[in-house]
């Protein structure tokens, strides 16, 4: 498939990177943190392909992508809202996403395993976008948050840029291979969320 044949989000991603290069790569990755449907599985392999054809510096693209992945905005939202406000919200009868008990369990889990969650969450669709929020809730030291995010994102970005570099004009195959996995992850998250809501509604009604 030629890049000119791409449509939708993928085509827009390609146009942005073609227009502004490594800065576009970083900006798109930063936007992915706020708008998960923008796929890094398209952004990064195309950056690698662009580097292979000489229109983009691979190291600059990797650095820009890794910088863009450090989601200070979502971390700041989590820190600004804070655990106490969410705990109060979870106690409202109409709030059915999770209970105060669920939130407390989540806080204890994050206290014990927060560093691993932030580091490894960069490798999981959707999780990589939202994991910064509980880090903000927990007021994880900003230096540690930055380091863990940069390491996890740096590895992820390097793998996909390299894949695009090696595959050349077949770079779209990276996304094709990952689509079933991405759909499975999204489906699992939706099912888990639905079960949590159903359980919470039953508990409140009881």
N, C-alpha and C. Protein backbone atom coordinates (compact mmCIF):
# COMPACT_ATOMS: atom_id res chain seq x y z
N UNK A 1 0.85 -1.20 0.00
CA UNK A 1 0.00 0.00 0.00
C UNK A 1 0.88 1.24 0.00
N UNK A 2 0.69 2.15 -0.90
CA UNK A 2 1.43 3.39 -0.92
C UNK A 2 0.89 4.33 0.13
N UNK A 3 1.76 5.20 0.64
CA UNK A 3 1.32 6.10 1.70
C UNK A 3 0.20 7.01 1.24
N UNK A 4 0.18 7.33 -0.05
CA UNK A 4 -0.88 8.20 -0.55
C UNK A 4 -2.25 7.55 -0.53
N UNK A 5 -2.32 6.21 -0.39
CA UNK A 5 -3.59 5.51 -0.39
C UNK A 5 -4.22 5.43 0.99
N UNK A 6 -3.49 5.84 2.00
CA UNK A 6 -4.00 5.75 3.36
C UNK A 6 -5.06 6.82 3.58
N UNK A 7 -6.10 6.44 4.30
CA UNK A 7 -7.14 7.41 4.63
C UNK A 7 -7.37 7.45 6.13
N UNK A 8 -8.32 8.27 6.57
CA UNK A 8 -8.67 8.34 7.97
C UNK A 8 -7.54 8.83 8.84
N UNK A 9 -7.51 8.30 10.08
CA UNK A 9 -6.48 8.71 11.03
C UNK A 9 -5.08 8.38 10.54
N UNK A 10 -4.92 7.19 9.95
CA UNK A 10 -3.60 6.79 9.48
C UNK A 10 -3.07 7.76 8.43
N UNK A 11 -3.94 8.14 7.49
CA UNK A 11 -3.53 9.09 6.47
C UNK A 11 -3.17 10.44 7.05
N UNK A 12 -3.93 10.88 8.04
CA UNK A 12 -3.64 12.16 8.70
C UNK A 12 -2.30 12.10 9.43
N UNK A 13 -2.03 10.98 10.12
CA UNK A 13 -0.76 10.80 10.81
C UNK A 13 0.41 10.92 9.84
N UNK A 14 0.29 10.25 8.70
CA UNK A 14 1.34 10.28 7.69
C UNK A 14 1.56 11.71 7.19
N UNK A 15 0.47 12.43 6.96
CA UNK A 15 0.57 13.81 6.47
C UNK A 15 1.29 14.71 7.48
N UNK A 16 0.97 14.54 8.76
CA UNK A 16 1.60 15.36 9.80
C UNK A 16 3.10 15.11 9.84
N UNK A 17 3.50 13.83 9.84
CA UNK A 17 4.92 13.50 9.90
C UNK A 17 5.64 13.96 8.65
N UNK A 18 5.02 13.80 7.49
CA UNK A 18 5.62 14.27 6.24
C UNK A 18 5.82 15.79 6.26
N UNK A 19 4.91 16.50 6.94
CA UNK A 19 4.95 17.95 6.92
C UNK A 19 5.96 18.53 7.91
N UNK A 20 6.00 18.01 9.13
CA UNK A 20 6.85 18.65 10.16
C UNK A 20 7.84 17.68 10.81
N UNK A 21 8.00 16.48 10.28
CA UNK A 21 9.09 15.60 10.67
C UNK A 21 9.05 15.14 12.12
N UNK A 22 10.21 15.17 12.77
CA UNK A 22 10.34 14.63 14.13
C UNK A 22 9.44 15.37 15.11
N UNK A 23 9.26 16.66 14.91
CA UNK A 23 8.35 17.42 15.79
C UNK A 23 6.94 16.85 15.69
N UNK A 24 6.55 16.49 14.48
CA UNK A 24 5.23 15.89 14.29
C UNK A 24 5.11 14.55 14.99
N UNK A 25 6.18 13.75 14.97
CA UNK A 25 6.17 12.47 15.68
C UNK A 25 5.92 12.70 17.17
N UNK A 26 6.68 13.62 17.77
CA UNK A 26 6.52 13.91 19.19
C UNK A 26 5.15 14.45 19.52
N UNK A 27 4.64 15.35 18.67
CA UNK A 27 3.32 15.94 18.91
C UNK A 27 2.22 14.89 18.83
N UNK A 28 2.33 13.98 17.87
CA UNK A 28 1.31 12.94 17.72
C UNK A 28 1.33 11.97 18.89
N UNK A 29 2.52 11.61 19.35
CA UNK A 29 2.60 10.72 20.51
C UNK A 29 2.03 11.40 21.75
N UNK A 30 2.30 12.70 21.91
CA UNK A 30 1.73 13.45 23.04
C UNK A 30 0.21 13.47 22.93
N UNK A 31 -0.30 13.64 21.70
CA UNK A 31 -1.74 13.67 21.50
C UNK A 31 -2.36 12.31 21.75
N UNK A 32 -1.61 11.25 21.45
CA UNK A 32 -2.13 9.89 21.69
C UNK A 32 -2.43 9.68 23.18
N UNK A 33 -1.64 10.30 24.05
CA UNK A 33 -1.89 10.16 25.48
C UNK A 33 -3.25 10.73 25.88
N UNK A 34 -3.71 11.75 25.15
CA UNK A 34 -4.99 12.38 25.46
C UNK A 34 -6.12 11.82 24.63
N UNK A 35 -5.79 11.25 23.48
CA UNK A 35 -6.80 10.75 22.55
C UNK A 35 -6.35 9.39 22.03
N UNK A 36 -6.57 8.32 22.83
CA UNK A 36 -6.01 7.00 22.51
C UNK A 36 -6.29 6.46 21.11
N UNK A 37 -7.41 6.82 20.43
CA UNK A 37 -7.59 6.26 19.08
C UNK A 37 -6.48 6.63 18.09
N UNK A 38 -5.70 7.68 18.38
CA UNK A 38 -4.55 7.97 17.52
C UNK A 38 -3.52 6.87 17.77
N UNK A 39 -3.19 6.06 16.77
CA UNK A 39 -2.40 4.85 17.02
C UNK A 39 -0.88 5.07 16.91
N UNK A 40 -0.17 4.80 18.00
CA UNK A 40 1.29 4.85 17.91
C UNK A 40 1.80 3.75 16.99
N UNK A 41 0.98 2.70 16.78
CA UNK A 41 1.36 1.62 15.89
C UNK A 41 1.40 2.08 14.43
N UNK A 42 0.85 3.25 14.13
CA UNK A 42 0.99 3.86 12.81
C UNK A 42 2.09 4.92 12.84
N UNK A 43 2.09 5.73 13.89
CA UNK A 43 3.04 6.85 14.00
C UNK A 43 4.48 6.36 13.95
N UNK A 44 4.82 5.40 14.80
CA UNK A 44 6.22 5.00 14.96
C UNK A 44 6.76 4.22 13.76
N UNK A 45 6.03 3.21 13.24
CA UNK A 45 6.56 2.52 12.05
C UNK A 45 6.73 3.45 10.85
N UNK A 46 5.80 4.40 10.68
CA UNK A 46 5.97 5.32 9.56
C UNK A 46 7.19 6.21 9.77
N UNK A 47 7.45 6.59 11.04
CA UNK A 47 8.66 7.36 11.32
C UNK A 47 9.90 6.56 10.94
N UNK A 48 9.89 5.25 11.25
CA UNK A 48 11.00 4.39 10.85
C UNK A 48 11.15 4.29 9.35
N UNK A 49 10.03 4.16 8.66
CA UNK A 49 10.06 4.12 7.19
C UNK A 49 10.60 5.42 6.62
N UNK A 50 10.16 6.55 7.19
CA UNK A 50 10.65 7.85 6.72
C UNK A 50 12.15 7.98 6.94
N UNK A 51 12.64 7.43 8.07
CA UNK A 51 14.07 7.45 8.33
C UNK A 51 14.82 6.59 7.32
N UNK A 52 14.24 5.45 6.96
CA UNK A 52 14.89 4.55 6.00
C UNK A 52 15.02 5.19 4.63
N UNK A 53 14.06 6.02 4.24
CA UNK A 53 14.14 6.66 2.93
C UNK A 53 14.87 8.00 2.98
N UNK A 54 15.38 8.36 4.19
CA UNK A 54 16.23 9.53 4.32
C UNK A 54 15.53 10.85 4.55
N UNK A 55 14.21 10.82 4.80
CA UNK A 55 13.48 12.07 5.00
C UNK A 55 13.27 12.42 6.46
N UNK A 56 13.81 11.60 7.34
CA UNK A 56 13.64 11.83 8.78
C UNK A 56 14.82 11.22 9.51
N UNK A 57 15.28 11.92 10.56
CA UNK A 57 16.37 11.39 11.39
C UNK A 57 15.76 10.46 12.44
N UNK A 58 16.18 9.19 12.42
CA UNK A 58 15.58 8.19 13.30
C UNK A 58 15.82 8.52 14.77
N UNK A 59 17.01 8.99 15.11
CA UNK A 59 17.31 9.30 16.52
C UNK A 59 16.47 10.47 17.00
N UNK A 60 16.33 11.50 16.17
CA UNK A 60 15.51 12.64 16.55
C UNK A 60 14.04 12.24 16.68
N UNK A 61 13.58 11.37 15.77
CA UNK A 61 12.20 10.89 15.85
C UNK A 61 11.97 10.12 17.14
N UNK A 62 12.93 9.26 17.49
CA UNK A 62 12.82 8.48 18.74
C UNK A 62 12.81 9.40 19.95
N UNK A 63 13.71 10.39 19.97
CA UNK A 63 13.78 11.31 21.10
C UNK A 63 12.49 12.12 21.22
N UNK A 64 11.96 12.59 20.09
CA UNK A 64 10.73 13.37 20.11
C UNK A 64 9.55 12.52 20.59
N UNK A 65 9.49 11.28 20.12
CA UNK A 65 8.41 10.39 20.54
C UNK A 65 8.48 10.10 22.03
N UNK A 66 9.68 9.87 22.54
CA UNK A 66 9.84 9.57 23.96
C UNK A 66 9.50 10.78 24.82
N UNK A 67 9.90 11.96 24.37
CA UNK A 67 9.54 13.18 25.09
C UNK A 67 8.03 13.39 25.06
N UNK A 68 7.41 13.16 23.92
CA UNK A 68 5.97 13.34 23.81
C UNK A 68 5.17 12.37 24.65
N UNK A 69 5.77 11.23 24.99
CA UNK A 69 5.05 10.20 25.75
C UNK A 69 4.96 10.52 27.24
N UNK A 70 5.77 11.44 27.71
CA UNK A 70 5.75 11.78 29.14
C UNK A 70 4.52 12.66 29.38
N UNK A 71 3.45 12.05 29.87
CA UNK A 71 2.13 12.70 29.91
C UNK A 71 1.97 13.52 31.19
N UNK A 72 2.61 14.68 31.22
CA UNK A 72 2.49 15.53 32.39
C UNK A 72 1.07 16.08 32.56
N UNK A 73 0.35 16.23 31.44
CA UNK A 73 -1.00 16.77 31.54
C UNK A 73 -1.89 15.84 32.35
N UNK A 74 -1.88 14.54 32.03
CA UNK A 74 -2.71 13.59 32.77
C UNK A 74 -2.21 13.39 34.19
N UNK A 75 -0.90 13.41 34.38
CA UNK A 75 -0.34 13.34 35.73
C UNK A 75 -0.84 14.54 36.54
N UNK A 76 -0.81 15.72 35.92
CA UNK A 76 -1.26 16.93 36.61
C UNK A 76 -2.74 16.87 36.95
N UNK A 77 -3.55 16.31 36.05
CA UNK A 77 -4.99 16.17 36.33
C UNK A 77 -5.19 15.27 37.54
N UNK A 78 -4.47 14.14 37.56
CA UNK A 78 -4.58 13.23 38.70
C UNK A 78 -4.16 13.90 40.00
N UNK A 79 -3.06 14.65 39.96
CA UNK A 79 -2.57 15.33 41.17
C UNK A 79 -3.53 16.43 41.61
N UNK A 80 -4.11 17.14 40.63
CA UNK A 80 -5.02 18.24 40.95
C UNK A 80 -6.33 17.73 41.55
N UNK A 81 -6.89 16.68 40.95
CA UNK A 81 -8.15 16.13 41.48
C UNK A 81 -7.91 15.48 42.83
N UNK A 82 -6.90 14.64 42.91
CA UNK A 82 -6.51 14.03 44.18
C UNK A 82 -7.38 12.86 44.61
N UNK A 83 -6.80 12.02 45.45
CA UNK A 83 -7.48 10.81 45.91
C UNK A 83 -8.73 11.15 46.74
N UNK A 84 -8.64 12.15 47.59
CA UNK A 84 -9.75 12.45 48.50
C UNK A 84 -11.02 12.83 47.74
N UNK A 85 -10.87 13.63 46.70
CA UNK A 85 -12.05 14.04 45.92
C UNK A 85 -12.67 12.84 45.20
N UNK A 86 -11.83 11.99 44.64
CA UNK A 86 -12.35 10.81 43.96
C UNK A 86 -13.01 9.87 44.97
N UNK A 87 -12.44 9.76 46.16
CA UNK A 87 -13.02 8.92 47.20
C UNK A 87 -14.42 9.41 47.58
N UNK A 88 -14.57 10.73 47.70
CA UNK A 88 -15.89 11.30 47.99
C UNK A 88 -16.87 11.01 46.85
N UNK A 89 -16.39 11.16 45.63
CA UNK A 89 -17.23 10.90 44.46
C UNK A 89 -17.69 9.45 44.42
N UNK A 90 -16.78 8.53 44.74
CA UNK A 90 -17.11 7.10 44.71
C UNK A 90 -18.15 6.74 45.76
N UNK A 91 -18.33 7.60 46.76
CA UNK A 91 -19.33 7.34 47.79
C UNK A 91 -20.73 7.79 47.42
N UNK A 92 -20.86 8.51 46.31
CA UNK A 92 -22.19 8.96 45.88
C UNK A 92 -23.00 7.77 45.36
N UNK A 93 -24.28 7.78 45.64
CA UNK A 93 -25.13 6.65 45.25
C UNK A 93 -25.22 6.51 43.73
N UNK A 94 -25.19 7.62 43.02
CA UNK A 94 -25.35 7.58 41.57
C UNK A 94 -24.05 7.19 40.85
N UNK A 95 -22.93 7.18 41.58
CA UNK A 95 -21.64 6.88 40.95
C UNK A 95 -21.46 5.36 40.94
N UNK A 96 -21.46 4.75 39.75
CA UNK A 96 -21.48 3.29 39.67
C UNK A 96 -20.22 2.71 39.01
N UNK A 97 -19.23 3.54 38.74
CA UNK A 97 -18.02 3.01 38.09
C UNK A 97 -17.21 2.14 39.04
N UNK A 98 -17.07 2.57 40.26
CA UNK A 98 -16.38 1.78 41.29
C UNK A 98 -16.77 2.33 42.65
N UNK A 99 -16.50 1.54 43.68
CA UNK A 99 -16.86 1.93 45.04
C UNK A 99 -15.65 2.51 45.76
N UNK A 100 -15.89 3.05 46.94
CA UNK A 100 -14.79 3.55 47.76
C UNK A 100 -13.85 2.41 48.15
N UNK A 101 -14.43 1.22 48.36
CA UNK A 101 -13.60 0.07 48.68
C UNK A 101 -12.70 -0.30 47.50
N UNK A 102 -13.27 -0.30 46.29
CA UNK A 102 -12.47 -0.58 45.10
C UNK A 102 -11.32 0.43 44.98
N UNK A 103 -11.65 1.69 45.21
CA UNK A 103 -10.64 2.74 45.11
C UNK A 103 -9.53 2.54 46.13
N UNK A 104 -9.91 2.14 47.34
CA UNK A 104 -8.90 1.90 48.38
C UNK A 104 -8.00 0.73 48.00
N UNK A 105 -8.59 -0.33 47.44
CA UNK A 105 -7.79 -1.47 46.97
C UNK A 105 -6.82 -1.01 45.89
N UNK A 106 -7.32 -0.19 44.98
CA UNK A 106 -6.47 0.31 43.91
C UNK A 106 -5.33 1.16 44.43
N UNK A 107 -5.61 1.96 45.44
CA UNK A 107 -4.56 2.80 46.02
C UNK A 107 -3.47 1.94 46.67
N UNK A 108 -3.88 0.90 47.41
CA UNK A 108 -2.89 0.03 48.05
C UNK A 108 -2.06 -0.71 47.01
N UNK A 109 -2.73 -1.16 45.94
CA UNK A 109 -2.01 -1.85 44.87
C UNK A 109 -0.99 -0.91 44.24
N UNK A 110 -1.40 0.33 43.98
CA UNK A 110 -0.49 1.28 43.34
C UNK A 110 0.65 1.66 44.28
N UNK A 111 0.37 1.72 45.57
CA UNK A 111 1.44 2.01 46.53
C UNK A 111 2.52 0.94 46.47
N UNK A 112 2.09 -0.33 46.27
CA UNK A 112 3.06 -1.44 46.24
C UNK A 112 3.71 -1.61 44.87
N UNK A 113 2.95 -1.41 43.82
CA UNK A 113 3.42 -1.77 42.48
C UNK A 113 3.37 -0.61 41.48
N UNK A 114 3.24 0.61 41.98
CA UNK A 114 3.06 1.76 41.09
C UNK A 114 4.18 1.93 40.08
N UNK A 115 5.42 1.71 40.51
CA UNK A 115 6.55 1.89 39.59
C UNK A 115 6.46 0.90 38.43
N UNK A 116 6.11 -0.35 38.73
CA UNK A 116 5.97 -1.35 37.67
C UNK A 116 4.82 -1.01 36.75
N UNK A 117 3.72 -0.52 37.32
CA UNK A 117 2.54 -0.19 36.52
C UNK A 117 2.87 0.93 35.53
N UNK A 118 3.55 1.96 35.99
CA UNK A 118 3.90 3.08 35.12
C UNK A 118 4.88 2.63 34.04
N UNK A 119 5.86 1.81 34.43
CA UNK A 119 6.87 1.35 33.47
C UNK A 119 6.26 0.44 32.41
N UNK A 120 5.54 -0.60 32.85
CA UNK A 120 5.02 -1.60 31.92
C UNK A 120 3.74 -1.16 31.23
N UNK A 121 3.05 -0.19 31.83
CA UNK A 121 1.82 0.29 31.21
C UNK A 121 2.05 0.94 29.86
N UNK A 122 3.29 1.37 29.59
CA UNK A 122 3.59 2.00 28.30
C UNK A 122 3.48 1.01 27.15
N UNK A 123 3.43 -0.29 27.46
CA UNK A 123 3.38 -1.31 26.42
C UNK A 123 1.96 -1.79 26.12
N UNK A 124 0.96 -1.23 26.82
CA UNK A 124 -0.41 -1.74 26.70
C UNK A 124 -1.32 -0.65 26.14
N UNK A 125 -2.05 -1.01 25.09
CA UNK A 125 -2.99 -0.08 24.48
C UNK A 125 -3.95 0.48 25.52
N UNK A 126 -4.27 1.74 25.43
CA UNK A 126 -5.18 2.48 26.30
C UNK A 126 -4.58 2.70 27.69
N UNK A 127 -3.98 1.65 28.27
CA UNK A 127 -3.37 1.80 29.59
C UNK A 127 -2.28 2.85 29.54
N UNK A 128 -1.53 2.88 28.43
CA UNK A 128 -0.44 3.85 28.32
C UNK A 128 -0.96 5.29 28.36
N UNK A 129 -2.23 5.47 28.02
CA UNK A 129 -2.81 6.81 28.03
C UNK A 129 -3.31 7.22 29.41
N UNK A 130 -3.79 6.27 30.20
CA UNK A 130 -4.45 6.62 31.47
C UNK A 130 -3.60 6.34 32.71
N UNK A 131 -2.50 5.61 32.55
CA UNK A 131 -1.73 5.21 33.72
C UNK A 131 -1.13 6.41 34.45
N UNK A 132 -0.99 7.53 33.75
CA UNK A 132 -0.44 8.74 34.38
C UNK A 132 -1.38 9.33 35.42
N UNK A 133 -2.69 9.06 35.28
CA UNK A 133 -3.67 9.63 36.21
C UNK A 133 -3.51 9.06 37.62
N UNK A 134 -3.49 7.72 37.81
CA UNK A 134 -3.25 7.21 39.16
C UNK A 134 -1.88 7.58 39.70
N UNK A 135 -0.90 7.76 38.82
CA UNK A 135 0.40 8.23 39.29
C UNK A 135 0.28 9.63 39.90
N UNK A 136 -0.58 10.45 39.29
CA UNK A 136 -0.84 11.78 39.85
C UNK A 136 -1.62 11.70 41.14
N UNK A 137 -2.63 10.80 41.20
CA UNK A 137 -3.38 10.59 42.44
C UNK A 137 -2.42 10.29 43.59
N UNK A 138 -1.49 9.37 43.33
CA UNK A 138 -0.57 8.91 44.36
C UNK A 138 0.56 9.89 44.62
N UNK A 139 0.59 10.99 43.85
CA UNK A 139 1.68 11.96 43.96
C UNK A 139 3.05 11.28 43.87
N UNK A 140 3.15 10.34 42.90
CA UNK A 140 4.46 9.74 42.64
C UNK A 140 5.46 10.85 42.36
N UNK A 141 6.66 10.77 42.97
CA UNK A 141 7.65 11.82 42.71
C UNK A 141 7.83 12.05 41.21
N UNK A 142 7.82 13.31 40.81
CA UNK A 142 7.83 13.64 39.39
C UNK A 142 9.07 13.10 38.68
N UNK A 143 10.19 13.11 39.37
CA UNK A 143 11.41 12.58 38.77
C UNK A 143 11.30 11.10 38.46
N UNK A 144 10.72 10.33 39.41
CA UNK A 144 10.55 8.90 39.19
C UNK A 144 9.54 8.64 38.08
N UNK A 145 8.44 9.39 38.09
CA UNK A 145 7.44 9.24 37.05
C UNK A 145 8.06 9.51 35.67
N UNK A 146 8.83 10.56 35.57
CA UNK A 146 9.46 10.92 34.29
C UNK A 146 10.43 9.83 33.84
N UNK A 147 11.25 9.34 34.77
CA UNK A 147 12.24 8.32 34.42
C UNK A 147 11.57 7.03 33.97
N UNK A 148 10.57 6.55 34.72
CA UNK A 148 9.90 5.30 34.37
C UNK A 148 9.16 5.41 33.04
N UNK A 149 8.48 6.54 32.84
CA UNK A 149 7.76 6.73 31.59
C UNK A 149 8.72 6.80 30.41
N UNK A 150 9.82 7.51 30.60
CA UNK A 150 10.80 7.64 29.52
C UNK A 150 11.44 6.30 29.18
N UNK A 151 11.73 5.48 30.18
CA UNK A 151 12.33 4.17 29.91
C UNK A 151 11.34 3.27 29.16
N UNK A 152 10.12 3.14 29.70
CA UNK A 152 9.13 2.28 29.05
C UNK A 152 8.80 2.76 27.66
N UNK A 153 8.56 4.06 27.51
CA UNK A 153 8.23 4.61 26.20
C UNK A 153 9.41 4.53 25.25
N UNK A 154 10.63 4.74 25.79
CA UNK A 154 11.81 4.69 24.93
C UNK A 154 11.99 3.32 24.31
N UNK A 155 11.76 2.27 25.08
CA UNK A 155 11.88 0.91 24.55
C UNK A 155 10.79 0.65 23.51
N UNK A 156 9.55 1.01 23.85
CA UNK A 156 8.42 0.82 22.92
C UNK A 156 8.67 1.57 21.61
N UNK A 157 9.07 2.83 21.72
CA UNK A 157 9.29 3.65 20.53
C UNK A 157 10.42 3.09 19.66
N UNK A 158 11.49 2.66 20.31
CA UNK A 158 12.63 2.13 19.56
C UNK A 158 12.24 0.87 18.78
N UNK A 159 11.46 0.00 19.41
CA UNK A 159 11.05 -1.25 18.74
C UNK A 159 10.23 -0.97 17.48
N UNK A 160 9.30 -0.04 17.58
CA UNK A 160 8.41 0.21 16.45
C UNK A 160 9.06 1.06 15.37
N UNK A 161 9.91 1.99 15.76
CA UNK A 161 10.64 2.75 14.75
C UNK A 161 11.59 1.82 13.99
N UNK A 162 12.24 0.92 14.72
CA UNK A 162 13.14 -0.04 14.07
C UNK A 162 12.37 -0.97 13.14
N UNK A 163 11.17 -1.40 13.58
CA UNK A 163 10.35 -2.27 12.73
C UNK A 163 9.99 -1.58 11.43
N UNK A 164 9.59 -0.31 11.52
CA UNK A 164 9.26 0.44 10.32
C UNK A 164 10.47 0.65 9.43
N UNK A 165 11.62 0.85 10.05
CA UNK A 165 12.87 1.04 9.29
C UNK A 165 13.19 -0.22 8.50
N UNK A 166 13.06 -1.38 9.14
CA UNK A 166 13.41 -2.64 8.48
C UNK A 166 12.38 -3.04 7.42
N UNK A 167 11.11 -2.77 7.69
CA UNK A 167 10.07 -3.19 6.76
C UNK A 167 9.97 -2.28 5.54
N UNK A 168 10.48 -1.05 5.65
CA UNK A 168 10.44 -0.15 4.51
C UNK A 168 9.02 0.20 4.11
N UNK A 169 8.70 0.08 2.82
CA UNK A 169 7.37 0.48 2.36
C UNK A 169 6.28 -0.51 2.76
N UNK A 170 6.65 -1.52 3.52
CA UNK A 170 5.64 -2.45 4.09
C UNK A 170 5.39 -2.15 5.56
N UNK A 171 5.68 -0.91 5.98
CA UNK A 171 5.60 -0.55 7.38
C UNK A 171 4.19 -0.70 7.95
N UNK A 172 3.14 -0.63 7.08
CA UNK A 172 1.76 -0.74 7.58
C UNK A 172 1.48 -2.12 8.18
N UNK A 173 2.31 -3.10 7.83
CA UNK A 173 2.09 -4.46 8.32
C UNK A 173 2.21 -4.53 9.84
N UNK A 174 2.97 -3.61 10.43
CA UNK A 174 3.10 -3.60 11.89
C UNK A 174 1.73 -3.41 12.53
N UNK A 175 0.98 -2.43 12.04
CA UNK A 175 -0.35 -2.19 12.58
C UNK A 175 -1.28 -3.37 12.30
N UNK A 176 -1.17 -3.95 11.12
CA UNK A 176 -2.05 -5.07 10.77
C UNK A 176 -1.83 -6.25 11.72
N UNK A 177 -0.58 -6.51 12.07
CA UNK A 177 -0.29 -7.61 12.98
C UNK A 177 -0.81 -7.33 14.39
N UNK A 178 -0.79 -6.06 14.78
CA UNK A 178 -1.17 -5.72 16.14
C UNK A 178 -2.67 -5.49 16.32
N UNK A 179 -3.39 -5.25 15.24
CA UNK A 179 -4.80 -4.93 15.37
C UNK A 179 -5.59 -5.97 16.16
N UNK A 180 -5.44 -7.29 15.88
CA UNK A 180 -6.20 -8.27 16.68
C UNK A 180 -5.88 -8.20 18.17
N UNK A 181 -4.60 -7.96 18.49
CA UNK A 181 -4.22 -7.84 19.90
C UNK A 181 -4.86 -6.61 20.51
N UNK A 182 -4.81 -5.49 19.78
CA UNK A 182 -5.41 -4.26 20.28
C UNK A 182 -6.91 -4.42 20.52
N UNK A 183 -7.59 -5.06 19.58
CA UNK A 183 -9.03 -5.28 19.74
C UNK A 183 -9.31 -6.16 20.96
N UNK A 184 -8.47 -7.17 21.16
CA UNK A 184 -8.66 -8.06 22.30
C UNK A 184 -8.47 -7.31 23.62
N UNK A 185 -7.46 -6.44 23.66
CA UNK A 185 -7.20 -5.65 24.88
C UNK A 185 -8.37 -4.72 25.16
N UNK A 186 -8.84 -4.01 24.14
CA UNK A 186 -9.97 -3.10 24.32
C UNK A 186 -11.22 -3.86 24.77
N UNK A 187 -11.48 -5.02 24.15
CA UNK A 187 -12.64 -5.82 24.53
C UNK A 187 -12.54 -6.27 25.98
N UNK A 188 -11.35 -6.71 26.39
CA UNK A 188 -11.16 -7.16 27.78
C UNK A 188 -11.38 -6.01 28.76
N UNK A 189 -10.89 -4.82 28.42
CA UNK A 189 -11.07 -3.66 29.29
C UNK A 189 -12.55 -3.27 29.39
N UNK A 190 -13.26 -3.33 28.26
CA UNK A 190 -14.68 -2.98 28.26
C UNK A 190 -15.48 -3.99 29.07
N UNK A 191 -15.16 -5.27 28.92
CA UNK A 191 -15.87 -6.30 29.68
C UNK A 191 -15.60 -6.14 31.17
N UNK A 192 -14.34 -5.90 31.53
CA UNK A 192 -13.99 -5.71 32.94
C UNK A 192 -14.72 -4.50 33.51
N UNK A 193 -14.77 -3.41 32.74
CA UNK A 193 -15.48 -2.22 33.19
C UNK A 193 -16.97 -2.47 33.36
N UNK A 194 -17.56 -3.20 32.41
CA UNK A 194 -18.98 -3.50 32.48
C UNK A 194 -19.29 -4.37 33.70
N UNK A 195 -18.47 -5.36 33.96
CA UNK A 195 -18.68 -6.23 35.13
C UNK A 195 -18.56 -5.44 36.42
N UNK A 196 -17.62 -4.49 36.45
CA UNK A 196 -17.44 -3.66 37.65
C UNK A 196 -18.68 -2.81 37.88
N UNK A 197 -19.22 -2.23 36.80
CA UNK A 197 -20.41 -1.40 36.93
C UNK A 197 -21.61 -2.24 37.37
N UNK A 198 -21.80 -3.42 36.78
CA UNK A 198 -22.91 -4.28 37.16
C UNK A 198 -22.82 -4.67 38.63
N UNK A 199 -21.63 -5.04 39.06
CA UNK A 199 -21.45 -5.41 40.46
C UNK A 199 -21.77 -4.24 41.38
N UNK A 200 -21.33 -3.04 40.98
CA UNK A 200 -21.57 -1.86 41.81
C UNK A 200 -23.05 -1.51 41.87
N UNK A 201 -23.75 -1.63 40.74
CA UNK A 201 -25.17 -1.35 40.72
C UNK A 201 -25.94 -2.32 41.60
N UNK A 202 -25.60 -3.60 41.53
CA UNK A 202 -26.26 -4.60 42.37
C UNK A 202 -26.01 -4.33 43.84
N UNK A 203 -24.78 -3.94 44.15
CA UNK A 203 -24.44 -3.65 45.56
C UNK A 203 -25.24 -2.46 46.07
N UNK A 204 -25.33 -1.40 45.23
CA UNK A 204 -26.08 -0.21 45.66
C UNK A 204 -27.56 -0.53 45.82
N UNK A 205 -28.12 -1.32 44.89
CA UNK A 205 -29.54 -1.67 44.97
C UNK A 205 -29.83 -2.54 46.20
N UNK A 206 -28.85 -3.40 46.54
CA UNK A 206 -29.04 -4.24 47.71
C UNK A 206 -29.03 -3.41 48.99
